[in-house]
Every structure is written in C-alpha cells, then in structure tokens.
Protein backbone atom coordinates (compact mmCIF):
# COMPACT_ATOMS: atom_id res chain seq x y z
CA MET A 1 -154.19 27.29 -170.07
CA ASN A 2 -155.24 26.51 -166.67
CA LEU A 3 -156.01 22.57 -166.77
CA ILE A 4 -158.32 22.54 -163.70
CA LYS A 5 -160.22 25.72 -164.53
CA SER A 6 -160.85 24.54 -168.12
CA THR A 7 -161.75 21.08 -166.95
CA GLY A 8 -164.00 22.66 -164.46
CA THR A 9 -165.75 24.82 -167.25
CA PHE A 10 -166.18 21.81 -169.42
CA GLY A 11 -167.36 19.63 -166.44
CA PHE A 12 -169.79 22.29 -165.09
CA TYR A 13 -171.78 22.31 -168.31
CA THR A 14 -171.45 18.65 -168.52
CA ILE A 15 -172.86 18.14 -165.17
CA ILE A 16 -175.94 20.30 -166.16
CA SER A 17 -176.37 18.31 -169.28
CA ARG A 18 -176.12 15.04 -167.35
CA PHE A 19 -178.50 16.30 -164.58
CA LEU A 20 -180.96 17.34 -167.16
CA GLY A 21 -180.36 13.84 -168.86
CA TYR A 22 -181.04 12.16 -165.65
CA LEU A 23 -184.23 14.04 -165.27
CA ARG A 24 -185.10 13.01 -168.91
CA ASP A 25 -184.45 9.45 -167.94
CA ILE A 26 -186.38 9.50 -164.78
CA LEU A 27 -189.31 10.59 -166.88
CA ILE A 28 -188.83 7.84 -169.38
CA ALA A 29 -188.61 5.35 -166.64
CA ILE A 30 -191.92 6.59 -165.21
CA PHE A 31 -193.70 6.41 -168.46
CA LEU A 32 -192.03 3.60 -170.09
CA GLY A 33 -190.07 1.55 -167.30
CA THR A 34 -188.33 -1.49 -169.05
CA SER A 35 -191.15 -2.32 -171.32
CA PHE A 36 -191.58 -3.30 -174.96
CA LEU A 37 -191.70 0.38 -175.85
CA ALA A 38 -188.73 1.25 -173.86
CA ASP A 39 -186.56 -1.42 -175.51
CA ALA A 40 -187.59 -0.24 -179.06
CA PHE A 41 -186.95 3.46 -178.30
CA PHE A 42 -183.64 2.84 -176.59
CA VAL A 43 -182.38 0.83 -179.61
CA ALA A 44 -183.60 3.54 -181.90
CA PHE A 45 -182.09 6.21 -179.61
CA ARG A 46 -178.76 4.15 -178.91
CA ILE A 47 -177.72 4.18 -182.40
CA PRO A 48 -177.45 7.88 -183.21
CA ASN A 49 -176.59 8.50 -179.49
CA THR A 50 -173.70 6.23 -179.78
CA PHE A 51 -172.43 8.05 -182.80
CA ARG A 52 -172.81 11.33 -180.80
CA ARG A 53 -170.62 10.00 -178.04
CA LEU A 54 -168.19 8.60 -180.62
CA PHE A 55 -167.86 12.08 -182.50
CA ALA A 56 -168.79 14.68 -179.79
CA GLU A 57 -167.08 13.25 -176.56
CA GLY A 58 -163.52 13.84 -177.60
CA THR A 59 -163.14 11.43 -180.52
CA PHE A 60 -163.36 13.64 -183.43
CA ASN A 61 -161.11 16.10 -181.55
CA ALA A 62 -158.52 13.36 -181.40
CA ALA A 63 -157.88 13.42 -184.99
CA PHE A 64 -158.78 16.95 -185.73
CA VAL A 65 -157.15 19.08 -183.16
CA PRO A 66 -153.57 18.07 -183.54
CA SER A 67 -153.93 18.55 -187.32
CA TYR A 68 -155.74 21.80 -186.99
CA THR A 69 -153.39 23.03 -184.22
CA THR A 70 -150.33 22.37 -186.59
CA GLU A 71 -151.86 24.48 -189.17
CA LEU A 72 -152.93 27.15 -186.91
CA ILE A 73 -149.26 27.47 -185.54
CA LYS A 74 -148.11 27.93 -189.25
CA LYS A 75 -150.65 30.40 -190.33
CA LYS A 76 -154.26 31.41 -189.59
CA SER A 77 -155.37 31.21 -193.19
CA LYS A 78 -153.97 27.76 -193.67
CA SER A 79 -156.10 26.47 -190.75
CA LYS A 80 -159.23 27.97 -192.25
CA LYS A 81 -158.54 26.36 -195.53
CA PHE A 82 -157.89 23.05 -193.85
CA ALA A 83 -161.16 23.35 -191.74
CA ASN A 84 -163.26 24.03 -194.70
CA GLU A 85 -161.93 21.20 -196.81
CA VAL A 86 -162.58 18.77 -193.82
CA PHE A 87 -166.14 20.29 -193.41
CA ASN A 88 -167.17 19.79 -196.94
CA LEU A 89 -165.95 16.09 -197.20
CA LEU A 90 -167.53 15.45 -193.77
CA PHE A 91 -170.88 17.10 -194.95
CA LEU A 92 -170.99 14.88 -198.10
CA GLY A 93 -169.87 11.88 -196.42
CA LEU A 94 -172.46 12.00 -193.70
CA LEU A 95 -175.33 12.88 -195.97
CA PHE A 96 -174.49 9.86 -198.14
CA LEU A 97 -174.29 7.64 -195.06
CA VAL A 98 -177.68 8.84 -193.62
CA LEU A 99 -179.38 8.23 -197.02
CA VAL A 100 -177.92 4.73 -197.46
CA VAL A 101 -178.87 3.58 -193.95
CA GLU A 102 -182.33 5.11 -194.19
CA LEU A 103 -182.84 3.06 -197.26
CA PHE A 104 -181.60 -0.24 -195.66
CA MET A 105 -182.91 0.50 -192.32
CA PRO A 106 -184.74 -2.86 -191.69
CA LYS A 107 -181.47 -4.65 -192.23
CA PHE A 108 -179.55 -2.18 -190.28
CA VAL A 109 -181.83 -2.44 -187.17
CA SER A 110 -181.77 -6.29 -187.47
CA LEU A 111 -177.86 -6.16 -187.12
CA ILE A 112 -178.13 -3.86 -184.22
CA ALA A 113 -180.90 -5.58 -182.37
CA PRO A 114 -180.94 -9.21 -183.78
CA GLY A 115 -182.71 -10.46 -180.72
CA PHE A 116 -185.84 -8.22 -181.83
CA THR A 117 -186.31 -10.21 -185.04
CA LYS A 118 -188.33 -12.80 -183.11
CA ASP A 119 -190.87 -10.29 -182.26
CA LEU A 120 -192.47 -8.73 -185.38
CA ASP A 121 -194.05 -5.80 -183.68
CA LYS A 122 -191.09 -4.91 -181.70
CA ILE A 123 -188.57 -4.97 -184.73
CA GLU A 124 -191.05 -2.97 -186.98
CA LEU A 125 -191.38 -0.24 -184.18
CA ALA A 126 -187.61 -0.08 -183.76
CA ILE A 127 -187.11 0.31 -187.45
CA THR A 128 -189.70 3.21 -187.60
CA LEU A 129 -188.29 4.94 -184.62
CA THR A 130 -184.71 4.62 -185.88
CA ARG A 131 -185.64 6.13 -189.26
CA ILE A 132 -186.80 9.17 -187.33
CA THR A 133 -183.84 9.49 -185.06
CA PHE A 134 -181.03 8.58 -187.54
CA PRO A 135 -180.61 12.01 -189.14
CA PHE A 136 -179.38 13.24 -185.65
CA LEU A 137 -176.18 11.27 -186.50
CA MET A 138 -175.39 13.79 -189.31
CA PHE A 139 -176.41 16.96 -187.20
CA VAL A 140 -174.38 15.92 -184.16
CA CYS A 141 -171.27 14.94 -186.11
CA LEU A 142 -171.22 18.43 -187.88
CA ALA A 143 -171.87 20.05 -184.45
CA SER A 144 -168.84 18.05 -183.17
CA PHE A 145 -166.66 19.53 -186.04
CA PHE A 146 -167.67 23.08 -184.76
CA SER A 147 -166.91 21.99 -181.11
CA ALA A 148 -163.45 20.80 -182.20
CA ILE A 149 -162.59 24.19 -183.69
CA LEU A 150 -163.71 25.89 -180.52
CA ASN A 151 -161.63 23.51 -178.31
CA SER A 152 -158.69 24.11 -180.54
CA HIS A 153 -158.92 27.69 -179.42
CA ASN A 154 -159.31 26.81 -175.81
CA ARG A 155 -163.02 27.75 -175.93
CA PHE A 156 -164.75 24.78 -174.13
CA ALA A 157 -167.84 26.31 -172.68
CA ALA A 158 -170.18 26.27 -175.72
CA ALA A 159 -169.03 22.86 -176.89
CA ALA A 160 -169.78 21.48 -173.58
CA ALA A 161 -173.14 23.22 -173.33
CA ALA A 162 -174.67 22.08 -176.59
CA PRO A 163 -175.81 18.68 -175.63
CA ILE A 164 -178.13 20.47 -173.04
CA ILE A 165 -180.53 21.24 -175.93
CA LEU A 166 -181.24 17.64 -176.50
CA ASN A 167 -182.28 17.20 -172.90
CA ILE A 168 -184.27 20.22 -172.88
CA ILE A 169 -186.39 19.32 -175.93
CA LEU A 170 -186.88 15.69 -174.71
CA ILE A 171 -188.01 16.81 -171.19
CA GLY A 172 -190.36 19.16 -172.84
CA VAL A 173 -191.89 16.29 -174.70
CA LEU A 174 -192.14 14.09 -171.67
CA ILE A 175 -193.82 16.58 -169.55
CA PHE A 176 -196.85 15.99 -171.96
CA GLY A 177 -196.25 12.30 -171.79
CA LYS A 178 -199.69 11.41 -170.22
CA LEU A 179 -201.46 13.19 -172.91
CA LEU A 180 -199.37 11.51 -175.82
CA ASN A 181 -199.72 7.92 -174.59
CA ASP A 182 -198.32 5.36 -177.15
CA LYS A 183 -197.49 8.46 -179.39
CA LEU A 184 -194.85 9.64 -176.87
CA ILE A 185 -192.04 7.47 -178.30
CA PHE A 186 -192.63 8.99 -181.72
CA TYR A 187 -192.45 12.56 -180.50
CA LEU A 188 -189.39 11.66 -178.43
CA SER A 189 -187.76 10.33 -181.62
CA TYR A 190 -188.55 13.45 -183.53
CA GLY A 191 -187.20 15.54 -180.71
CA VAL A 192 -184.00 13.73 -180.84
CA SER A 193 -183.47 14.87 -184.65
CA ILE A 194 -184.55 18.38 -184.17
CA SER A 195 -182.25 18.95 -181.19
CA GLY A 196 -179.26 17.86 -183.41
CA LEU A 197 -180.19 20.62 -185.89
CA LEU A 198 -180.53 23.17 -183.19
CA GLN A 199 -177.03 22.35 -181.93
CA ILE A 200 -175.46 23.12 -185.16
CA VAL A 201 -177.14 26.56 -185.12
CA PHE A 202 -176.17 27.14 -181.61
CA LEU A 203 -172.46 26.29 -182.03
CA TYR A 204 -172.05 28.05 -185.28
CA LYS A 205 -172.98 31.39 -183.55
CA PHE A 206 -169.75 30.82 -181.35
CA VAL A 207 -167.43 29.34 -184.06
CA TYR A 208 -168.12 32.02 -186.53
CA ARG A 209 -165.35 34.29 -185.44
CA PHE A 210 -162.89 31.46 -186.10
CA TYR A 211 -164.54 29.84 -189.02
CA GLN A 212 -167.10 30.52 -191.63
CA ILE A 213 -168.57 27.73 -193.81
CA ARG A 214 -167.83 27.88 -197.45
CA PHE A 215 -169.47 25.29 -199.48
CA ASN A 216 -167.08 24.06 -202.08
CA PHE A 217 -167.53 20.55 -203.57
CA ASN A 218 -164.49 20.58 -205.60
CA PHE A 219 -163.32 17.05 -205.16
CA LYS A 220 -159.51 17.95 -205.08
CA ILE A 221 -158.39 16.58 -201.86
CA THR A 222 -155.13 17.98 -200.38
CA LYS A 223 -152.53 15.69 -198.79
CA LYS A 224 -153.15 17.16 -195.39
CA VAL A 225 -156.95 16.39 -195.53
CA LYS A 226 -156.07 12.91 -196.72
CA ILE A 227 -153.89 12.40 -193.71
CA PHE A 228 -156.58 13.63 -191.55
CA PHE A 229 -159.44 11.23 -192.69
CA LYS A 230 -156.81 8.39 -192.43
CA LYS A 231 -156.43 9.14 -188.83
CA LEU A 232 -160.10 9.84 -188.15
CA LEU A 233 -161.40 6.36 -188.47
CA PRO A 234 -158.83 4.84 -186.08
CA SER A 235 -159.22 7.61 -183.71
CA ILE A 236 -163.02 7.23 -183.50
CA PHE A 237 -162.58 3.44 -182.88
CA SER A 238 -159.78 3.86 -180.18
CA SER A 239 -160.97 6.99 -178.36
CA GLY A 240 -164.73 5.69 -178.35
CA VAL A 241 -163.95 2.14 -177.46
CA THR A 242 -166.03 2.32 -174.37
CA GLN A 243 -169.05 3.38 -176.51
CA ILE A 244 -168.36 0.73 -179.05
CA ASN A 245 -168.27 -1.86 -176.24
CA ILE A 246 -171.67 -0.56 -174.98
CA LEU A 247 -173.10 -0.84 -178.40
CA VAL A 248 -171.87 -4.31 -178.67
CA GLY A 249 -173.30 -5.06 -175.37
CA THR A 250 -176.82 -3.67 -176.58
CA ILE A 251 -176.63 -5.97 -179.67
CA ILE A 252 -176.03 -9.14 -177.43
CA ALA A 253 -178.46 -7.97 -174.84
CA SER A 254 -181.36 -7.61 -177.44
CA PHE A 255 -181.73 -11.43 -177.06
CA GLN A 256 -182.97 -11.10 -173.46
CA ALA A 257 -186.21 -9.25 -172.51
CA SER A 258 -185.64 -5.92 -171.07
CA ALA A 259 -181.87 -6.33 -170.78
CA VAL A 260 -181.34 -3.43 -173.18
CA SER A 261 -183.20 -1.11 -170.87
CA TYR A 262 -181.30 -2.45 -167.79
CA LEU A 263 -177.87 -1.72 -169.43
CA TYR A 264 -179.12 1.75 -170.60
CA TYR A 265 -180.07 2.95 -167.13
CA ALA A 266 -176.79 1.60 -165.58
CA ASP A 267 -174.78 3.23 -168.34
CA ARG A 268 -176.41 6.57 -167.54
CA ILE A 269 -175.11 6.63 -164.05
CA TYR A 270 -171.33 5.92 -164.50
CA GLN A 271 -171.27 8.02 -167.70
CA ILE A 272 -171.47 11.35 -165.63
CA ASN A 273 -168.11 10.64 -163.88
CA LEU A 274 -166.62 9.32 -167.07
CA ALA A 275 -167.60 12.56 -168.87
CA ILE A 276 -165.57 14.60 -166.30
CA ALA A 277 -162.72 12.24 -165.27
CA GLY A 278 -161.99 11.00 -168.82
CA ILE A 279 -163.81 12.88 -171.67
CA ALA A 280 -163.44 16.43 -170.16
CA ILE A 281 -159.85 15.98 -169.25
CA GLY A 282 -158.85 14.45 -172.56
CA VAL A 283 -160.62 17.24 -174.50
CA VAL A 284 -159.05 19.95 -172.50
CA VAL A 285 -155.52 18.49 -172.52
CA LEU A 286 -155.42 17.70 -176.18
CA PRO A 287 -155.02 21.15 -177.82
CA GLN A 288 -152.24 22.34 -175.25
CA LEU A 289 -150.38 18.93 -175.41
CA SER A 290 -150.50 19.02 -179.26
CA LYS A 291 -149.13 22.49 -179.25
CA TYR A 292 -146.21 21.60 -176.93
CA VAL A 293 -145.37 18.32 -179.01
CA GLN A 294 -145.29 20.53 -182.06
CA LEU A 295 -142.90 22.91 -180.27
CA ASN A 296 -140.94 20.04 -178.67
CA LYS A 297 -141.18 21.26 -175.15
CA LYS A 298 -140.64 17.92 -173.31
CA LYS A 299 -140.75 19.31 -169.68
CA GLU A 300 -144.20 20.94 -170.18
CA ILE A 301 -145.39 17.66 -171.83
CA LEU A 302 -144.62 15.41 -169.03
CA LEU A 303 -145.94 17.92 -166.40
CA ILE A 304 -149.40 18.21 -168.22
CA GLN A 305 -149.63 14.53 -168.79
CA ASN A 306 -149.05 13.79 -164.94
CA LYS A 307 -151.46 16.49 -163.96
CA ALA A 308 -154.05 15.07 -166.22
CA LEU A 309 -153.58 11.65 -165.12
CA GLU A 310 -153.68 12.82 -161.42
CA LEU A 311 -156.84 14.75 -161.97
CA SER A 312 -158.43 11.72 -163.80
CA MET A 313 -157.70 9.42 -160.75
CA PHE A 314 -158.73 12.16 -158.32
CA LEU A 315 -162.30 12.13 -159.80
CA SER A 316 -162.83 8.42 -160.90
CA LEU A 317 -161.58 6.53 -157.85
CA PRO A 318 -163.92 8.05 -155.33
CA ALA A 319 -166.94 7.49 -157.86
CA THR A 320 -165.89 3.95 -158.38
CA ALA A 321 -166.05 3.51 -154.51
CA ALA A 322 -169.39 5.20 -154.22
CA LEU A 323 -170.92 3.09 -157.01
CA LEU A 324 -169.63 -0.16 -155.53
CA VAL A 325 -171.26 0.44 -152.13
CA GLY A 326 -174.45 2.22 -153.14
CA SER A 327 -175.32 0.86 -156.66
CA GLU A 328 -178.99 -0.50 -155.68
CA GLU A 329 -179.86 2.72 -153.75
CA ILE A 330 -178.52 5.07 -156.49
CA ILE A 331 -180.63 3.27 -159.30
CA SER A 332 -183.58 3.31 -156.90
CA ALA A 333 -183.46 6.80 -156.09
CA LEU A 334 -182.97 8.05 -159.58
CA PHE A 335 -185.10 5.76 -161.57
CA GLY A 336 -187.35 3.66 -159.04
CA TYR A 337 -190.77 5.23 -159.79
CA GLY A 338 -193.93 4.40 -161.87
CA SER A 339 -193.25 1.69 -164.54
CA PHE A 340 -189.73 1.18 -163.17
CA ASP A 341 -190.48 -1.69 -160.66
CA LYS A 342 -188.36 -3.41 -157.97
CA ASN A 343 -187.03 -5.95 -160.50
CA SER A 344 -185.92 -3.32 -162.75
CA VAL A 345 -184.13 -1.68 -160.03
CA LEU A 346 -182.27 -4.83 -158.80
CA ASN A 347 -181.19 -5.76 -162.42
CA SER A 348 -180.11 -2.34 -163.35
CA ALA A 349 -178.21 -2.06 -160.05
CA LYS A 350 -176.37 -5.38 -160.78
CA ALA A 351 -175.25 -3.95 -164.08
CA LEU A 352 -174.07 -0.76 -162.49
CA TYR A 353 -172.19 -2.48 -159.75
CA LEU A 354 -170.10 -4.51 -162.36
CA PHE A 355 -169.64 -1.47 -164.64
CA SER A 356 -168.24 0.34 -161.79
CA PHE A 357 -165.24 -1.90 -161.56
CA GLY A 358 -164.17 -0.54 -165.04
CA LEU A 359 -164.97 3.05 -164.33
CA PRO A 360 -161.16 4.09 -163.71
CA ALA A 361 -160.10 2.23 -166.80
CA PHE A 362 -162.74 4.04 -168.96
CA ALA A 363 -161.24 7.23 -167.72
CA LEU A 364 -157.64 6.02 -168.30
CA ILE A 365 -158.45 5.11 -171.88
CA LYS A 366 -159.56 8.68 -172.60
CA VAL A 367 -156.56 10.22 -171.10
CA PHE A 368 -153.93 7.75 -172.24
CA SER A 369 -155.29 7.89 -175.77
CA SER A 370 -154.97 11.77 -176.00
CA PHE A 371 -151.31 11.28 -175.34
CA PHE A 372 -150.95 9.24 -178.49
CA PHE A 373 -153.15 11.63 -180.50
CA ALA A 374 -151.10 14.64 -179.50
CA ASN A 375 -148.27 12.95 -181.07
CA HIS A 376 -150.24 12.22 -184.44
CA ASP A 377 -150.34 8.43 -183.51
CA THR A 378 -153.84 6.98 -184.00
CA LYS A 379 -152.70 3.53 -185.05
CA THR A 380 -151.36 2.26 -181.79
CA PRO A 381 -154.51 2.99 -179.69
CA PHE A 382 -156.58 1.73 -182.67
CA TYR A 383 -154.97 -1.77 -182.80
CA ILE A 384 -155.13 -1.95 -178.98
CA SER A 385 -158.83 -0.95 -179.03
CA LEU A 386 -159.50 -3.49 -181.70
CA VAL A 387 -158.07 -6.42 -179.66
CA SER A 388 -160.06 -5.20 -176.41
CA VAL A 389 -163.33 -5.13 -178.57
CA ILE A 390 -162.71 -8.68 -179.81
CA LEU A 391 -161.97 -9.69 -176.35
CA ASN A 392 -165.19 -8.14 -175.01
CA ILE A 393 -167.20 -9.81 -177.75
CA PHE A 394 -165.62 -13.17 -177.04
CA ILE A 395 -166.31 -13.01 -173.35
CA SER A 396 -170.10 -11.66 -173.78
CA VAL A 397 -170.96 -14.24 -176.57
CA TYR A 398 -169.29 -17.23 -174.74
CA TYR A 399 -170.82 -16.67 -171.36
CA PHE A 400 -174.07 -15.03 -172.24
CA LYS A 401 -175.96 -18.28 -172.30
CA ASP A 402 -174.77 -19.07 -168.66
CA PHE A 403 -174.96 -15.58 -167.18
CA GLY A 404 -177.38 -13.65 -169.21
CA PHE A 405 -176.98 -9.76 -169.56
CA ILE A 406 -174.81 -9.64 -166.49
CA ILE A 407 -171.81 -10.95 -168.44
CA ILE A 408 -172.05 -7.77 -170.63
CA PRO A 409 -170.69 -5.20 -167.84
CA ILE A 410 -168.20 -7.93 -166.70
CA ALA A 411 -166.74 -8.20 -170.18
CA THR A 412 -166.82 -4.38 -170.78
CA SER A 413 -164.81 -3.85 -167.55
CA ILE A 414 -162.31 -6.53 -168.32
CA SER A 415 -161.56 -5.50 -171.80
CA SER A 416 -161.34 -1.85 -170.63
CA TRP A 417 -158.60 -2.70 -167.99
CA PHE A 418 -156.81 -4.65 -170.70
CA ASN A 419 -157.01 -1.71 -173.03
CA SER A 420 -155.82 0.88 -170.50
CA LEU A 421 -152.96 -1.43 -169.51
CA MET A 422 -151.88 -1.90 -173.01
CA LEU A 423 -152.02 1.72 -173.77
CA PHE A 424 -149.84 2.53 -170.60
CA LEU A 425 -147.22 -0.16 -171.71
CA PHE A 426 -146.95 1.05 -175.30
CA LEU A 427 -146.60 4.82 -174.08
CA LYS A 428 -143.81 3.61 -171.84
CA ASN A 429 -142.09 1.68 -174.73
CA LYS A 430 -142.40 4.56 -177.16
CA ASN A 431 -141.08 6.91 -174.44
CA LEU A 432 -144.19 9.08 -174.62
CA PHE A 433 -144.85 9.31 -170.90
CA GLU A 434 -143.01 8.82 -167.50
CA PHE A 435 -144.50 9.32 -163.93
CA ASN A 436 -143.16 12.17 -161.89
CA GLN A 437 -142.75 12.09 -158.10
CA VAL A 438 -145.75 14.36 -157.34
CA PHE A 439 -148.01 11.94 -159.18
CA LEU A 440 -146.84 8.72 -157.44
CA VAL A 441 -147.12 10.17 -154.01
CA ARG A 442 -150.61 11.75 -154.57
CA PHE A 443 -151.94 8.52 -156.19
CA PHE A 444 -151.57 6.50 -153.12
CA LYS A 445 -153.08 9.24 -151.04
CA ILE A 446 -156.04 9.46 -153.44
CA VAL A 447 -156.60 5.63 -153.23
CA PHE A 448 -156.73 6.03 -149.44
CA ALA A 449 -159.05 9.00 -149.47
CA SER A 450 -161.30 7.15 -152.09
CA ILE A 451 -161.61 4.15 -149.75
CA THR A 452 -162.29 6.18 -146.67
CA MET A 453 -165.07 8.13 -148.53
CA GLY A 454 -166.54 4.76 -149.73
CA LEU A 455 -166.85 3.52 -146.12
CA PHE A 456 -168.33 6.96 -145.04
CA PHE A 457 -170.84 6.66 -148.04
CA LYS A 458 -171.79 3.27 -146.93
CA TYR A 459 -172.37 4.55 -143.54
CA LEU A 460 -174.64 7.30 -144.92
CA ILE A 461 -176.75 4.93 -146.92
CA ASN A 462 -177.30 2.74 -143.99
CA PHE A 463 -178.17 5.74 -141.77
CA PHE A 464 -180.87 6.77 -144.40
CA LYS A 465 -181.86 3.17 -145.08
CA ASN A 466 -185.67 3.57 -144.51
CA GLN A 467 -185.75 6.90 -146.52
CA LEU A 468 -184.00 5.15 -149.50
CA LEU A 469 -186.43 2.17 -149.69
CA TYR A 470 -188.02 1.69 -153.15
CA SER A 471 -191.51 2.50 -151.87
CA TYR A 472 -190.44 6.03 -150.59
CA ASN A 473 -191.31 8.65 -153.23
CA PHE A 474 -188.78 11.27 -152.05
CA LYS A 475 -185.70 9.03 -151.84
CA ILE A 476 -183.84 11.05 -154.42
CA PHE A 477 -183.40 14.03 -151.93
CA TYR A 478 -181.78 11.76 -149.40
CA LEU A 479 -179.63 10.45 -152.02
CA ILE A 480 -178.47 13.89 -152.97
CA ILE A 481 -177.80 14.55 -149.28
CA CYS A 482 -175.55 11.37 -149.15
CA VAL A 483 -173.63 12.46 -152.28
CA LEU A 484 -173.12 15.89 -151.23
CA LEU A 485 -171.95 14.85 -147.77
CA GLY A 486 -169.67 12.12 -149.26
CA CYS A 487 -168.21 14.68 -151.73
CA LEU A 488 -167.57 17.10 -148.73
CA PHE A 489 -165.87 14.35 -146.70
CA TYR A 490 -163.67 13.25 -149.57
CA PHE A 491 -162.43 16.79 -150.18
CA MET A 492 -161.67 17.30 -146.53
CA VAL A 493 -159.80 14.02 -146.52
CA THR A 494 -157.69 14.75 -149.53
CA PHE A 495 -157.00 18.28 -148.24
CA PHE A 496 -155.70 17.05 -144.72
CA ILE A 497 -153.51 14.30 -146.22
CA LYS A 498 -152.45 16.65 -149.08
CA ALA A 499 -153.67 14.54 -151.90
CA PHE A 500 -154.85 17.84 -153.29
CA ASN A 501 -153.33 21.32 -153.31
CA TYR A 502 -155.47 24.33 -153.78
CA LYS A 503 -152.42 26.06 -155.36
CA ASP A 504 -152.97 23.72 -158.20
CA LEU A 505 -156.08 25.71 -159.11
CA LYS A 506 -153.98 28.64 -160.17
CA LEU A 507 -151.32 26.67 -162.17
CA LYS A 508 -151.08 27.19 -165.85
CA TYR A 509 -149.59 24.95 -168.47
C-alpha cells in the first residue's frame, strides 16, 4: 500500500464531496441564512448527520477493520461469515433504533435542542423535520458497513465518493429553492433520507465482489461477533469524540438564537481539512497497520505510524495558520450572501477562529486512535474520550451564561488537546508508539513552513481587501486565488527546506 497515494485518493473524493457540500451550504445560507427555519433544519440535519460522521468517517472502521482483517488473514470464507453475522445484527439493531426514536421523537428532539422548547412553532417544526431525516441514520450506517469492507481490501475510492450523492441531491432541491419557498426545508429533509438509501445501492455495486448480503436472522451470536460489538460502542465514542463534542455544542447553543447556525457554518469550514488530515489518514492506515500488528512486524508498524503522523501535521498545521489569519474573510466569501448578513458572518467567523486552535488536535485524535484500534484496544481511547467530553460539557455549561455560544468552540478545542495529549501519553506508556528521527526533524520544518505560509496568506488577504468585502458579490473567486497561491507558497517552502520529499510519493508500506 502507498500511504500518500491512498490518502490522496480518499482525499480527492472527499474534497469533491466537501466542495459540493460548501455549494450546498452557500445555497442554504442564501435562502435560509441564520433564521428560525435554518435553526430547525440544522437540528434535524445535525442529528442523523452526526451519526453519519460517527459511523462513516472512520469510526465503524475502527472496530470492524481489525476484526475483519484478522479473519481475512486466516481464511476468506471465515471473513465472509463474520461480515454477514455483523450485517444482520447491525440491520436489526438499526431498524429497532429508528422505529423507537420515531415513536418518541418529541422527547428526543427536546433532549437534543432543549432551548427550542420555549418556542412552540420552532420545536414542532424541528420534530417534523427530524422525523423525515432520521431514517438516513440507518441507511448511512449500513453504507458505512460496506465502506469498511472495501477499505479492508484497500479499496478507498468508492467509500470516499459515496457522500457526494447527498450533496448532489440537496443541491438539486436548492436550485428550485425560490419556487419551493417555505416547503424548501421539507424537500431538503426528504432529500437527506433518499440520499442515504442511494448510497447503499451505490456501494453495494462495488462491495459485491467481496461480500454478498445473506439475510439470516438466526440469533445465534458467535464469540467473534460478540467481541466486535463490545468494541463497537467504545470505538464510536472515542473515534467520533470531535463529532460528539459538536453535538454537545449544538445542544447548549440551542438556548441562544441563531447560535446553532453560527456553529454549523464554522464547523463546515474546518471539517474539510479534518476529513483529509485526520479521517482519511486514519481510515487508510488502519487496514495495513492491523495487518502488521497481526503479523508482529514492529519495524513496519513504527514506520507507518510516524509517516501517518507526519502527513497529518503536514496537512493540518498550514490549514490552522490560514484559518487563524483569515477566518472572517473565509466565512464572508463562502457564505456571505442573501439572508446571511454581516452579523452572521462576524459571529460564524468568531466560532471558526476559536475552532481552528483545536484543528491539529482533532486530526491527532483520529490518527492516534487508529494506533490503538489496530492493536484491538478500544477501551483506552474510550475512557480518555469520555473524560474529554465531560471536560467539554463542564467548560461549556459553566461559562455559557458569561460568554454565550463563543465558549463552545473554546471548550471543544481545549478538550480536544487534552484528548490528543492523553492518547499520546498512553501510547508511549503501552509501548505502542515511538518517534523516529525523520519525523522529529521534519516536524519543526513543517511548523516553520506553516507559520511562513500564514504570514503570506495574511498578506494576500490584505492585498485583496477591497475584493473580499462583505458587499462584493464575487469575493469567493478572490478567496480561491488566495488559497491556491497560499498552497503553492507552502509547497515551495516545504520543498526547499526539505520538510517534504517527493520520493515519499513512491514509498510503499
């Protein structure tokens, strides 16, 4: 496996998906802004979408891939049997969950958005929309199962491309936004669930050569499947801790008008880098790392761990620098149109600025967690994540009255750095990781290149200051110019100071 090539493949389709996602959100911002309707839809969308992120973005992989790879090394037929047993239990469990939540949806939404209960119209709308979107949870979790099988066989393209379907459907609905008026949010909600079903169909076409569905509701559960499901819950919690923190933030933010929307738009920006610097690397590394752990190849394990960490920092640190110096301009250029007014830009930019401090930590959590998962250890990252979530809740709740929604990205960043530091210390303590000389040298070079790029990006923003004003309609094109020039500058600096070696592109692990 070529780590950089595989990450690049995963990242390419992820970038396309995120680009379409931004186009979707730009259209939502134009039609809904940060209004009453926007808050209701974002809550309805946030709930199943959080589960999508929890399952689809490497979390289901974390429990499934090491177990499936172990069976695959033993015998192909055993891996198929194991996969089918997991699928059947997963299908029944998800079906039961969806039916129960649909039945008790008013109470469920009240728990997720308790601040909405003060506004009867708002809470009723959120309940109706969530009822429509919630089946997406089941569909996307089953799609994640198919993705995990493909990833186990080092087939990353289809799994990374599947989320594109969601964005295409929602963009299609939004194109007719003016015609739909108030009905727009209902059609968007139906689009969410339909896209989940289509993702299953799309992925099954690719997974068919490795696995075929065999419905068998014989409740005789094997020991291997029991072990898998015991690992699943802690892996979901630990690998998806960033998304859990965002969900916690949504719950708390519901007590302040428009705060849910501010956090949503900020979240959309930093998530694109996280998807590549953390999620993509974690997903790509896990199958090969699990294989090396099973075969006890210590030299190869340390090599791929250090390279994964290096690549994660190479991608996340310059993004952090860019977001810190240009958060307002970025938000304005991407979303500052139509109903998304100047105040919405400023508040979303504040959230983005504070989220960006935690971006390297978000990526490190994904990468460090995969090291534990490859060693069949889901308990350690689970307990660390649990403490970090409690820390996040404590900071957010205690200071929310004084600082408002701004405390949420602060708390998320602090708890994420705590999480990543604890993961690292436990890895060292368990002798599951050690730095090599190459990484240590390149890390400081990457830090230098990132700071230099941040200063250059600030210069570009100031140079195009008039073109990036809120009132300028074509400001997104000037932002793209700034981003492309910034990326080019960064790659040039890293090349000249040898923070990146093009020979790494050909390395196989």
